N, C-alpha and C. Protein backbone atom coordinates (compact mmCIF):
# COMPACT_ATOMS: atom_id res chain seq x y z
N MET A 1 -0.52 -16.86 -10.87
CA MET A 1 0.17 -15.99 -10.95
C MET A 1 -0.26 -14.79 -11.91
N ASN A 2 -0.84 -15.41 -12.95
CA ASN A 2 -1.15 -14.55 -14.26
C ASN A 2 -1.98 -13.41 -13.84
N ILE A 3 -2.27 -13.05 -12.78
CA ILE A 3 -2.72 -11.42 -12.77
C ILE A 3 -1.82 -10.71 -12.97
N LEU A 4 -0.38 -10.97 -12.25
CA LEU A 4 0.82 -10.15 -12.23
C LEU A 4 1.32 -9.79 -14.13
N LYS A 5 0.67 -10.37 -14.92
CA LYS A 5 1.02 -9.76 -15.95
C LYS A 5 0.11 -8.95 -16.66
N ARG A 6 -1.16 -8.70 -16.07
CA ARG A 6 -2.10 -7.58 -16.05
C ARG A 6 -1.59 -6.09 -16.07
N ALA A 7 -1.88 -5.13 -16.98
CA ALA A 7 -1.51 -4.00 -16.81
C ALA A 7 -1.86 -3.21 -15.92
N ASP A 8 -2.72 -3.50 -15.24
CA ASP A 8 -3.88 -2.72 -14.12
C ASP A 8 -3.35 -3.25 -12.87
N THR A 9 -2.09 -4.05 -12.92
CA THR A 9 -1.34 -4.72 -11.42
C THR A 9 -0.49 -4.26 -11.17
N PRO A 10 -0.02 -3.65 -9.73
CA PRO A 10 0.97 -2.96 -9.33
C PRO A 10 2.27 -4.11 -9.95
N LYS A 11 3.80 -3.41 -10.33
CA LYS A 11 4.43 -3.96 -10.40
C LYS A 11 5.75 -3.38 -9.44
N VAL A 12 7.15 -3.66 -9.66
CA VAL A 12 7.76 -3.41 -8.75
C VAL A 12 7.84 -1.78 -9.35
N ASN A 13 8.30 -1.15 -8.44
CA ASN A 13 8.78 0.63 -8.44
C ASN A 13 7.26 1.39 -8.71
N SER A 14 6.08 0.72 -8.71
CA SER A 14 4.70 1.20 -8.61
C SER A 14 5.02 2.08 -7.45
N ILE A 15 4.18 3.17 -7.68
CA ILE A 15 3.49 4.12 -6.48
C ILE A 15 2.49 3.74 -6.08
N VAL A 16 1.90 3.11 -4.77
CA VAL A 16 0.83 2.68 -4.42
C VAL A 16 -0.20 3.19 -3.35
N THR A 17 -1.28 2.97 -3.20
CA THR A 17 -2.05 2.76 -1.70
C THR A 17 -1.90 1.63 -1.36
N PHE A 18 -2.07 1.51 -0.09
CA PHE A 18 -1.96 -0.07 0.60
C PHE A 18 -2.34 0.24 2.16
N ARG A 19 -2.53 -1.20 2.57
CA ARG A 19 -3.19 -1.39 3.94
C ARG A 19 -2.09 -2.40 4.17
N PRO A 20 -1.48 -2.66 5.32
CA PRO A 20 -0.03 -3.49 5.79
C PRO A 20 -1.14 -4.67 6.08
N TRP A 21 -0.62 -5.47 6.14
CA TRP A 21 -1.11 -7.33 6.33
C TRP A 21 -1.20 -6.97 7.99
N GLY A 22 -2.32 -7.67 8.55
CA GLY A 22 -2.28 -7.73 9.59
C GLY A 22 -2.19 -6.68 10.59
N ARG A 23 -2.35 -5.43 10.22
CA ARG A 23 -2.32 -4.03 11.03
C ARG A 23 -3.60 -3.53 11.14
N THR A 24 -3.85 -2.47 11.96
CA THR A 24 -5.09 -1.84 11.64
C THR A 24 -4.22 -0.25 11.97
N LEU A 25 -5.08 0.74 11.38
CA LEU A 25 -4.61 1.98 10.98
C LEU A 25 -5.32 3.17 11.66
N ASP A 26 -5.56 2.58 13.37
CA ASP A 26 -6.03 3.25 14.31
C ASP A 26 -5.09 4.30 14.52
N ASP A 27 -4.08 3.94 15.00
CA ASP A 27 -3.04 5.37 15.68
C ASP A 27 -2.13 5.97 14.71
N VAL A 28 -3.25 7.24 14.82
CA VAL A 28 -2.82 8.16 13.74
C VAL A 28 -1.24 8.48 13.97
N ASP A 29 -0.82 8.98 15.05
CA ASP A 29 0.66 9.05 15.56
C ASP A 29 1.50 8.36 15.09
N TYR A 30 1.02 7.40 15.35
CA TYR A 30 2.44 6.05 15.21
C TYR A 30 2.28 5.93 13.60
N TRP A 31 1.31 6.04 12.69
CA TRP A 31 1.59 5.85 11.32
C TRP A 31 2.23 7.27 10.68
N SER A 32 1.68 8.36 11.28
CA SER A 32 2.05 9.33 10.80
C SER A 32 3.86 9.77 10.93
N ARG A 33 4.26 9.09 12.14
CA ARG A 33 5.87 9.31 12.18
C ARG A 33 6.55 8.27 11.29
N TRP A 34 5.89 7.18 11.22
CA TRP A 34 6.89 6.02 10.26
C TRP A 34 6.39 5.70 8.85
N THR A 35 5.42 6.70 8.69
CA THR A 35 4.71 6.21 6.99
C THR A 35 4.66 7.03 6.42
N THR A 36 4.01 7.23 4.77
CA THR A 36 3.81 8.75 4.20
C THR A 36 2.09 7.87 4.36
N ARG A 37 1.38 8.78 4.79
CA ARG A 37 0.05 8.47 5.07
C ARG A 37 -0.34 8.75 4.00
N GLY A 38 -2.00 8.29 3.50
CA GLY A 38 -2.98 8.67 2.37
C GLY A 38 -3.52 9.91 2.64
N ARG A 39 -4.12 10.82 1.72
CA ARG A 39 -4.68 11.89 1.71
C ARG A 39 -5.80 12.11 2.58
N TRP A 40 -6.12 12.78 3.71
CA TRP A 40 -6.92 12.62 4.54
C TRP A 40 -7.33 11.87 5.64
N PHE A 41 -5.90 11.10 5.65
CA PHE A 41 -5.81 10.03 6.77
C PHE A 41 -6.59 10.27 7.79
N SER A 42 -5.85 11.31 8.78
CA SER A 42 -6.59 11.60 10.31
C SER A 42 -7.91 11.60 10.04
N LEU A 43 -8.76 12.40 8.95
CA LEU A 43 -9.63 13.04 8.93
C LEU A 43 -10.92 11.52 8.45
N GLN A 44 -10.40 10.32 8.01
CA GLN A 44 -10.92 9.23 7.60
C GLN A 44 -11.44 7.84 8.99
N GLU A 45 -12.50 7.43 8.47
CA GLU A 45 -12.63 6.30 9.83
C GLU A 45 -11.57 5.43 9.26
N GLU A 46 -11.31 4.44 10.36
CA GLU A 46 -10.12 3.51 10.13
C GLU A 46 -10.26 2.58 8.99
N PRO A 47 -11.38 2.18 8.60
CA PRO A 47 -11.53 1.04 7.52
C PRO A 47 -11.14 1.85 6.04
N GLN A 48 -11.38 3.31 6.20
CA GLN A 48 -11.21 3.77 4.58
C GLN A 48 -9.35 4.61 4.71
N ARG A 49 -8.68 4.39 6.01
CA ARG A 49 -7.53 4.92 5.64
C ARG A 49 -6.51 3.96 4.99
N HIS A 50 -5.59 4.48 4.37
CA HIS A 50 -4.34 3.79 3.59
C HIS A 50 -3.33 4.24 3.65
N LEU A 51 -2.16 3.90 3.27
CA LEU A 51 -0.76 4.65 3.30
C LEU A 51 -0.21 4.42 1.72
N VAL A 52 0.64 5.34 1.41
CA VAL A 52 1.29 5.55 0.41
C VAL A 52 2.75 4.61 -0.04
N GLY A 53 2.92 4.79 -0.94
CA GLY A 53 4.37 3.69 -0.48
C GLY A 53 4.71 3.49 -2.40
N VAL A 54 6.26 2.73 -2.25
CA VAL A 54 6.45 2.21 -3.75
C VAL A 54 6.83 0.84 -3.03
N VAL A 55 6.14 -0.01 -4.15
CA VAL A 55 6.35 -1.37 -4.51
C VAL A 55 7.95 -1.93 -4.70
N VAL A 56 8.63 -2.89 -3.79
CA VAL A 56 10.14 -2.78 -3.93
C VAL A 56 10.14 -4.49 -4.00
N ALA A 57 9.56 -5.36 -3.76
CA ALA A 57 9.15 -6.52 -4.08
C ALA A 57 8.00 -7.15 -4.30
N ILE A 58 8.17 -8.05 -4.97
CA ILE A 58 6.66 -9.29 -5.17
C ILE A 58 7.24 -10.65 -4.71
N LYS A 59 6.92 -10.82 -3.26
CA LYS A 59 7.42 -12.38 -2.92
C LYS A 59 6.15 -13.59 -2.89
N ARG A 60 6.53 -14.72 -2.97
CA ARG A 60 5.80 -15.75 -3.71
C ARG A 60 5.65 -16.62 -2.38
N VAL A 61 4.79 -16.97 -2.40
CA VAL A 61 4.49 -18.14 -0.86
C VAL A 61 3.47 -19.44 -1.87
N GLY A 62 4.11 -20.15 -1.89
CA GLY A 62 3.48 -21.45 -2.65
C GLY A 62 2.91 -20.81 -4.02
N GLY A 63 1.67 -21.18 -4.49
CA GLY A 63 1.15 -20.32 -5.63
C GLY A 63 0.52 -18.82 -5.21
N GLU A 64 0.87 -18.25 -4.36
CA GLU A 64 0.39 -16.82 -4.01
C GLU A 64 1.15 -16.09 -3.96
N PHE A 65 1.08 -14.67 -3.98
CA PHE A 65 2.01 -13.75 -3.57
C PHE A 65 1.66 -12.37 -2.99
N TYR A 66 2.80 -11.88 -2.30
CA TYR A 66 2.34 -10.47 -1.92
C TYR A 66 3.68 -9.66 -2.08
N TYR A 67 2.86 -8.17 -1.78
CA TYR A 67 4.02 -7.15 -2.08
C TYR A 67 4.59 -6.61 -1.02
N ARG A 68 5.83 -6.74 -1.32
CA ARG A 68 6.80 -5.92 0.12
C ARG A 68 7.18 -4.26 -0.25
N ILE A 69 6.43 -3.31 0.07
CA ILE A 69 6.24 -1.92 -0.07
C ILE A 69 7.02 -1.38 1.19
N THR A 70 7.70 -0.46 0.40
CA THR A 70 8.14 1.16 1.31
C THR A 70 7.28 2.22 1.71
N SER A 71 6.84 2.94 2.81
CA SER A 71 6.31 3.77 3.15
C SER A 71 7.49 4.67 4.23
N GLY A 72 7.51 5.95 3.84
CA GLY A 72 8.38 6.84 4.59
C GLY A 72 9.72 6.00 5.30
N SER A 73 9.74 5.82 6.29
CA SER A 73 11.11 5.25 6.74
C SER A 73 10.99 3.77 7.05
N SER A 74 9.91 2.87 6.44
CA SER A 74 9.52 1.60 7.08
C SER A 74 9.09 1.03 5.64
N ALA A 75 8.96 -0.64 5.95
CA ALA A 75 8.56 -1.53 4.96
C ALA A 75 7.68 -2.42 5.23
N TRP A 76 6.70 -2.74 4.80
CA TRP A 76 5.24 -3.44 5.12
C TRP A 76 5.16 -4.30 3.79
N ASP A 77 4.41 -5.59 4.47
CA ASP A 77 3.77 -6.63 3.23
C ASP A 77 2.28 -6.23 3.15
N ALA A 78 1.89 -6.60 1.95
CA ALA A 78 0.59 -6.65 1.90
C ALA A 78 -0.10 -7.30 1.08
N ALA A 79 -1.32 -7.66 1.00
CA ALA A 79 -1.74 -8.56 0.03
C ALA A 79 -2.23 -8.09 -0.93
N PRO A 80 -2.34 -8.67 -2.01
CA PRO A 80 -2.54 -8.13 -3.50
C PRO A 80 -4.13 -7.21 -3.68
N GLN A 81 -5.03 -7.89 -2.77
CA GLN A 81 -6.43 -7.48 -2.51
C GLN A 81 -6.30 -5.89 -1.87
N ASP A 82 -5.33 -5.55 -1.15
CA ASP A 82 -4.68 -4.42 -0.37
C ASP A 82 -3.96 -3.47 -1.15
N VAL A 83 -3.78 -3.68 -2.55
CA VAL A 83 -2.70 -2.66 -3.02
C VAL A 83 -3.40 -2.24 -4.16
N LYS A 84 -3.31 -0.51 -4.35
CA LYS A 84 -3.85 -0.03 -5.67
C LYS A 84 -3.06 0.83 -6.23
N ILE A 85 -2.58 1.07 -7.44
CA ILE A 85 -1.90 1.91 -8.33
C ILE A 85 -2.42 2.91 -7.68
N LEU A 86 -0.94 3.63 -7.63
CA LEU A 86 -1.98 5.52 -6.91
C LEU A 86 -2.54 6.09 -8.74
N SER A 87 -3.68 6.59 -8.52
CA SER A 87 -3.62 7.19 -10.02
C SER A 87 -3.32 8.62 -10.19
N GLU A 88 -2.91 9.08 -11.29
CA GLU A 88 -1.99 10.37 -11.40
C GLU A 88 -3.13 11.57 -10.80
N ASP A 89 -4.49 11.36 -10.31
CA ASP A 89 -5.05 12.33 -10.64
C ASP A 89 -5.35 12.50 -8.53
N TYR A 90 -4.63 11.74 -7.79
CA TYR A 90 -4.67 11.53 -6.41
C TYR A 90 -4.77 12.46 -5.73
N TYR A 91 -3.75 13.35 -5.86
CA TYR A 91 -3.42 14.40 -5.35
C TYR A 91 -3.80 15.97 -5.79
N THR A 92 -4.58 15.72 -6.94
CA THR A 92 -5.02 17.33 -7.51
C THR A 92 -6.64 17.00 -7.45
N GLY A 93 -6.98 15.85 -7.48
CA GLY A 93 -8.72 15.81 -6.99
C GLY A 93 -9.24 15.30 -7.73
């Protein structure tokens, strides 16, 4: 859990890019309807696609943890390696 103490680790209320656990981002229409998609979502190949959301909770399971993230009108769980803090220049290039 020491990773949560690092400044570059997302915390509650961080705006992040992420990929939800156990899901693929193949269905562009589904993700467009229910979530906030990453920049150029529909133009990228599936492995490079990501969603944008806000961390609402950090959940512990044994000695590990995962993030609960809201995006659009839904909420998703994501593994720490699939979550990154959204950089300030994300939308400006």
